[in-house]
């Protein structure tokens, strides 16, 4: 049986994971799943209360914040050893890009 978390619990998990990514892995929910859950909840709230309601705005803000966290993580991912080598040695033959 899947555990259903409230919005507050999901946000708490998000904040705890960002503060300590190697913390308690028992309550860990992947970011992609949290984004999907936030979108689903925002859609449900928008349908129930209307798209111009304050609750809908808050729900979509939460989804947007999670998307920005995902984007920030993508830009901050460590580069592979090969990518670092190419950056350190731009003249190396391995670092060249050829048009085919």
N, C-alpha and C. Protein backbone atom coordinates (compact mmCIF):
# COMPACT_ATOMS: atom_id res chain seq x y z
N UNK A 1 0.84 -1.18 0.00
CA UNK A 1 0.00 0.00 0.00
C UNK A 1 0.89 1.24 0.00
N UNK A 2 0.65 2.14 -0.92
CA UNK A 2 1.45 3.35 -1.04
C UNK A 2 1.10 4.33 0.08
N UNK A 3 2.10 4.99 0.58
CA UNK A 3 1.88 5.96 1.64
C UNK A 3 1.53 7.30 1.01
N UNK A 4 0.45 7.89 1.48
CA UNK A 4 0.02 9.18 0.98
C UNK A 4 0.48 10.24 1.97
N UNK A 5 1.24 11.19 1.48
CA UNK A 5 1.77 12.25 2.33
C UNK A 5 1.02 13.54 2.08
N UNK A 6 0.88 14.32 3.12
CA UNK A 6 0.28 15.64 2.95
C UNK A 6 1.31 16.56 2.33
N UNK A 7 0.86 17.70 1.87
CA UNK A 7 1.76 18.66 1.25
C UNK A 7 2.84 19.09 2.24
N UNK A 8 2.48 19.29 3.49
CA UNK A 8 3.44 19.70 4.50
C UNK A 8 4.51 18.64 4.71
N UNK A 9 4.09 17.36 4.73
CA UNK A 9 5.06 16.29 4.90
C UNK A 9 6.01 16.21 3.71
N UNK A 10 5.47 16.39 2.50
CA UNK A 10 6.33 16.35 1.32
C UNK A 10 7.33 17.49 1.33
N UNK A 11 6.86 18.68 1.71
CA UNK A 11 7.79 19.81 1.76
C UNK A 11 8.85 19.60 2.83
N UNK A 12 8.46 19.03 3.96
CA UNK A 12 9.43 18.74 5.01
C UNK A 12 10.47 17.75 4.50
N UNK A 13 10.04 16.74 3.76
CA UNK A 13 10.98 15.79 3.19
C UNK A 13 11.92 16.47 2.21
N UNK A 14 11.39 17.38 1.41
CA UNK A 14 12.22 18.11 0.45
C UNK A 14 13.27 18.93 1.18
N UNK A 15 12.85 19.65 2.19
CA UNK A 15 13.80 20.49 2.93
C UNK A 15 14.83 19.65 3.66
N UNK A 16 14.40 18.54 4.28
CA UNK A 16 15.34 17.68 4.99
C UNK A 16 16.35 17.07 4.03
N UNK A 17 15.91 16.67 2.84
CA UNK A 17 16.81 16.06 1.89
C UNK A 17 17.83 17.07 1.37
N UNK A 18 17.39 18.32 1.14
CA UNK A 18 18.32 19.33 0.66
C UNK A 18 19.34 19.67 1.73
N UNK A 19 18.91 19.70 2.98
CA UNK A 19 19.82 20.06 4.06
C UNK A 19 20.82 18.93 4.32
N UNK A 20 20.36 17.67 4.24
CA UNK A 20 21.21 16.53 4.54
C UNK A 20 20.89 15.41 3.56
N UNK A 21 21.48 15.42 2.36
CA UNK A 21 21.13 14.43 1.35
C UNK A 21 21.49 13.01 1.75
N UNK A 22 22.38 12.82 2.71
CA UNK A 22 22.74 11.46 3.13
C UNK A 22 22.08 11.12 4.45
N UNK A 23 21.04 11.82 4.78
CA UNK A 23 20.33 11.59 6.05
C UNK A 23 19.50 10.33 6.01
N UNK A 24 18.39 10.36 6.65
CA UNK A 24 17.51 9.21 6.78
C UNK A 24 16.95 8.83 5.42
N UNK A 25 17.37 7.69 4.90
CA UNK A 25 16.94 7.26 3.58
C UNK A 25 15.59 6.55 3.63
N UNK A 26 15.06 6.26 4.81
CA UNK A 26 13.78 5.58 4.93
C UNK A 26 12.63 6.41 4.41
N UNK A 27 12.68 7.72 4.55
CA UNK A 27 11.61 8.62 4.12
C UNK A 27 11.94 9.32 2.81
N UNK A 28 12.97 8.89 2.12
CA UNK A 28 13.42 9.58 0.91
C UNK A 28 12.45 9.36 -0.23
N UNK A 29 12.05 10.45 -0.87
CA UNK A 29 11.20 10.41 -2.05
C UNK A 29 12.00 11.11 -3.15
N UNK A 30 12.23 10.44 -4.28
CA UNK A 30 13.00 11.07 -5.35
C UNK A 30 12.37 12.38 -5.81
N UNK A 31 13.21 13.29 -6.21
CA UNK A 31 12.74 14.62 -6.63
C UNK A 31 11.76 14.52 -7.79
N UNK A 32 12.01 13.65 -8.74
CA UNK A 32 11.10 13.51 -9.88
C UNK A 32 9.71 13.09 -9.43
N UNK A 33 9.64 12.22 -8.43
CA UNK A 33 8.34 11.79 -7.90
C UNK A 33 7.67 12.92 -7.13
N UNK A 34 8.46 13.71 -6.38
CA UNK A 34 7.88 14.85 -5.66
C UNK A 34 7.31 15.87 -6.64
N UNK A 35 8.00 16.08 -7.77
CA UNK A 35 7.50 17.01 -8.79
C UNK A 35 6.18 16.50 -9.35
N UNK A 36 6.14 15.22 -9.67
CA UNK A 36 4.91 14.64 -10.20
C UNK A 36 3.76 14.75 -9.19
N UNK A 37 4.06 14.48 -7.92
CA UNK A 37 3.03 14.58 -6.89
C UNK A 37 2.53 16.01 -6.74
N UNK A 38 3.45 16.96 -6.79
CA UNK A 38 3.07 18.37 -6.66
C UNK A 38 2.21 18.81 -7.84
N UNK A 39 2.55 18.37 -9.03
CA UNK A 39 1.74 18.71 -10.21
C UNK A 39 0.35 18.11 -10.11
N UNK A 40 0.29 16.84 -9.70
CA UNK A 40 -1.02 16.19 -9.55
C UNK A 40 -1.89 16.91 -8.53
N UNK A 41 -1.27 17.28 -7.41
CA UNK A 41 -2.02 17.98 -6.38
C UNK A 41 -2.46 19.36 -6.87
N UNK A 42 -1.59 20.05 -7.59
CA UNK A 42 -1.95 21.38 -8.11
C UNK A 42 -3.09 21.28 -9.11
N UNK A 43 -3.05 20.26 -9.95
CA UNK A 43 -4.16 20.07 -10.90
C UNK A 43 -5.46 19.80 -10.18
N UNK A 44 -5.39 18.95 -9.15
CA UNK A 44 -6.60 18.61 -8.39
C UNK A 44 -7.16 19.84 -7.68
N UNK A 45 -6.30 20.64 -7.09
CA UNK A 45 -6.75 21.84 -6.40
C UNK A 45 -7.32 22.84 -7.39
N UNK A 46 -6.67 22.98 -8.54
CA UNK A 46 -7.17 23.90 -9.56
C UNK A 46 -8.55 23.48 -10.06
N UNK A 47 -8.75 22.18 -10.21
CA UNK A 47 -10.04 21.68 -10.66
C UNK A 47 -11.11 21.91 -9.59
N UNK A 48 -10.76 21.66 -8.34
CA UNK A 48 -11.73 21.76 -7.26
C UNK A 48 -12.04 23.20 -6.87
N UNK A 49 -11.03 24.05 -6.79
CA UNK A 49 -11.21 25.40 -6.26
C UNK A 49 -11.16 26.49 -7.32
N UNK A 50 -10.75 26.13 -8.52
CA UNK A 50 -10.63 27.13 -9.58
C UNK A 50 -9.19 27.55 -9.76
N UNK A 51 -8.85 27.92 -10.99
CA UNK A 51 -7.45 28.24 -11.27
C UNK A 51 -6.99 29.58 -10.70
N UNK A 52 -7.94 30.41 -10.32
CA UNK A 52 -7.55 31.71 -9.77
C UNK A 52 -7.63 31.76 -8.25
N UNK A 53 -7.83 30.62 -7.62
CA UNK A 53 -7.93 30.58 -6.15
C UNK A 53 -6.54 30.70 -5.52
N UNK A 54 -6.45 31.22 -4.31
CA UNK A 54 -5.16 31.31 -3.63
C UNK A 54 -4.54 29.93 -3.39
N UNK A 55 -5.37 28.93 -3.10
CA UNK A 55 -4.86 27.59 -2.87
C UNK A 55 -4.19 27.03 -4.13
N UNK A 56 -4.81 27.31 -5.27
CA UNK A 56 -4.25 26.87 -6.55
C UNK A 56 -2.91 27.54 -6.81
N UNK A 57 -2.83 28.82 -6.53
CA UNK A 57 -1.58 29.56 -6.73
C UNK A 57 -0.47 28.99 -5.86
N UNK A 58 -0.79 28.67 -4.62
CA UNK A 58 0.22 28.11 -3.71
C UNK A 58 0.67 26.74 -4.20
N UNK A 59 -0.28 25.92 -4.64
CA UNK A 59 0.06 24.58 -5.11
C UNK A 59 0.97 24.65 -6.33
N UNK A 60 0.66 25.56 -7.26
CA UNK A 60 1.51 25.68 -8.45
C UNK A 60 2.87 26.30 -8.10
N UNK A 61 2.92 27.17 -7.09
CA UNK A 61 4.21 27.71 -6.64
C UNK A 61 5.10 26.60 -6.09
N UNK A 62 4.49 25.66 -5.36
CA UNK A 62 5.26 24.54 -4.83
C UNK A 62 5.83 23.70 -5.97
N UNK A 63 5.01 23.42 -6.96
CA UNK A 63 5.48 22.64 -8.12
C UNK A 63 6.61 23.38 -8.84
N UNK A 64 6.46 24.68 -8.98
CA UNK A 64 7.49 25.47 -9.66
C UNK A 64 8.80 25.48 -8.87
N UNK A 65 8.70 25.57 -7.55
CA UNK A 65 9.91 25.54 -6.72
C UNK A 65 10.65 24.21 -6.85
N UNK A 66 9.89 23.12 -6.87
CA UNK A 66 10.52 21.82 -7.04
C UNK A 66 11.19 21.70 -8.40
N UNK A 67 10.57 22.27 -9.44
CA UNK A 67 11.19 22.26 -10.76
C UNK A 67 12.48 23.08 -10.77
N UNK A 68 12.49 24.19 -10.04
CA UNK A 68 13.72 25.00 -10.00
C UNK A 68 14.82 24.28 -9.24
N UNK A 69 14.46 23.50 -8.21
CA UNK A 69 15.46 22.69 -7.50
C UNK A 69 16.06 21.67 -8.46
N UNK A 70 15.21 21.03 -9.26
CA UNK A 70 15.70 20.04 -10.22
C UNK A 70 16.63 20.68 -11.25
N UNK A 71 16.27 21.86 -11.73
CA UNK A 71 17.11 22.56 -12.71
C UNK A 71 18.45 22.95 -12.09
N UNK A 72 18.42 23.41 -10.86
CA UNK A 72 19.66 23.79 -10.18
C UNK A 72 20.56 22.58 -9.99
N UNK A 73 19.98 21.44 -9.66
CA UNK A 73 20.79 20.23 -9.48
C UNK A 73 21.41 19.79 -10.79
N UNK A 74 20.68 19.93 -11.91
CA UNK A 74 21.23 19.53 -13.20
C UNK A 74 22.45 20.37 -13.56
N UNK A 75 22.42 21.66 -13.24
CA UNK A 75 23.54 22.53 -13.58
C UNK A 75 24.71 22.33 -12.64
N UNK A 76 24.47 21.79 -11.45
CA UNK A 76 25.54 21.64 -10.47
C UNK A 76 26.08 20.21 -10.40
N UNK A 77 25.62 19.32 -11.28
CA UNK A 77 26.11 17.95 -11.24
C UNK A 77 27.60 17.93 -11.54
N UNK A 78 28.34 17.09 -10.83
CA UNK A 78 29.77 17.01 -11.09
C UNK A 78 30.03 16.44 -12.48
N UNK A 79 31.06 16.94 -13.09
CA UNK A 79 31.42 16.49 -14.43
C UNK A 79 32.18 15.17 -14.34
N UNK A 80 32.12 14.41 -15.40
CA UNK A 80 32.86 13.16 -15.45
C UNK A 80 34.35 13.46 -15.57
N UNK A 81 35.16 12.45 -15.36
CA UNK A 81 36.61 12.62 -15.46
C UNK A 81 37.00 13.05 -16.87
N UNK A 82 36.33 12.49 -17.88
CA UNK A 82 36.63 12.86 -19.26
C UNK A 82 36.29 14.33 -19.52
N UNK A 83 35.13 14.79 -19.03
CA UNK A 83 34.75 16.20 -19.23
C UNK A 83 35.74 17.13 -18.55
N UNK A 84 36.18 16.77 -17.34
CA UNK A 84 37.18 17.60 -16.65
C UNK A 84 38.49 17.63 -17.43
N UNK A 85 38.90 16.48 -17.98
CA UNK A 85 40.13 16.41 -18.77
C UNK A 85 40.02 17.32 -19.99
N UNK A 86 38.87 17.27 -20.67
CA UNK A 86 38.69 18.11 -21.85
C UNK A 86 38.73 19.60 -21.50
N UNK A 87 38.17 19.96 -20.35
CA UNK A 87 38.21 21.37 -19.93
C UNK A 87 39.61 21.80 -19.56
N UNK A 88 40.38 20.91 -18.95
CA UNK A 88 41.74 21.23 -18.54
C UNK A 88 42.72 21.21 -19.72
N UNK A 89 42.42 20.43 -20.75
CA UNK A 89 43.30 20.28 -21.91
C UNK A 89 42.51 20.49 -23.20
N UNK A 90 42.13 21.74 -23.48
CA UNK A 90 41.28 21.98 -24.65
C UNK A 90 41.97 21.67 -25.98
N UNK A 91 43.29 21.63 -26.01
CA UNK A 91 44.02 21.34 -27.24
C UNK A 91 44.20 19.86 -27.51
N UNK A 92 43.83 19.00 -26.57
CA UNK A 92 44.00 17.56 -26.74
C UNK A 92 43.08 17.05 -27.85
N UNK A 93 43.53 16.03 -28.56
CA UNK A 93 42.73 15.51 -29.66
C UNK A 93 41.39 14.95 -29.18
N UNK A 94 41.34 14.44 -27.95
CA UNK A 94 40.10 13.91 -27.40
C UNK A 94 39.06 15.01 -27.16
N UNK A 95 39.55 16.24 -26.95
CA UNK A 95 38.66 17.35 -26.63
C UNK A 95 38.10 18.04 -27.87
N UNK A 96 38.58 17.68 -29.03
CA UNK A 96 38.12 18.32 -30.26
C UNK A 96 36.76 17.80 -30.66
N UNK A 97 35.99 18.69 -31.26
CA UNK A 97 34.67 18.34 -31.76
C UNK A 97 34.70 18.46 -33.27
N UNK A 98 34.28 17.40 -33.93
CA UNK A 98 34.30 17.38 -35.38
C UNK A 98 32.89 17.36 -35.92
N UNK A 99 32.67 18.11 -37.01
CA UNK A 99 31.40 18.07 -37.72
C UNK A 99 31.48 16.95 -38.74
N UNK A 100 30.49 16.10 -38.71
CA UNK A 100 30.48 14.96 -39.65
C UNK A 100 29.43 15.15 -40.67
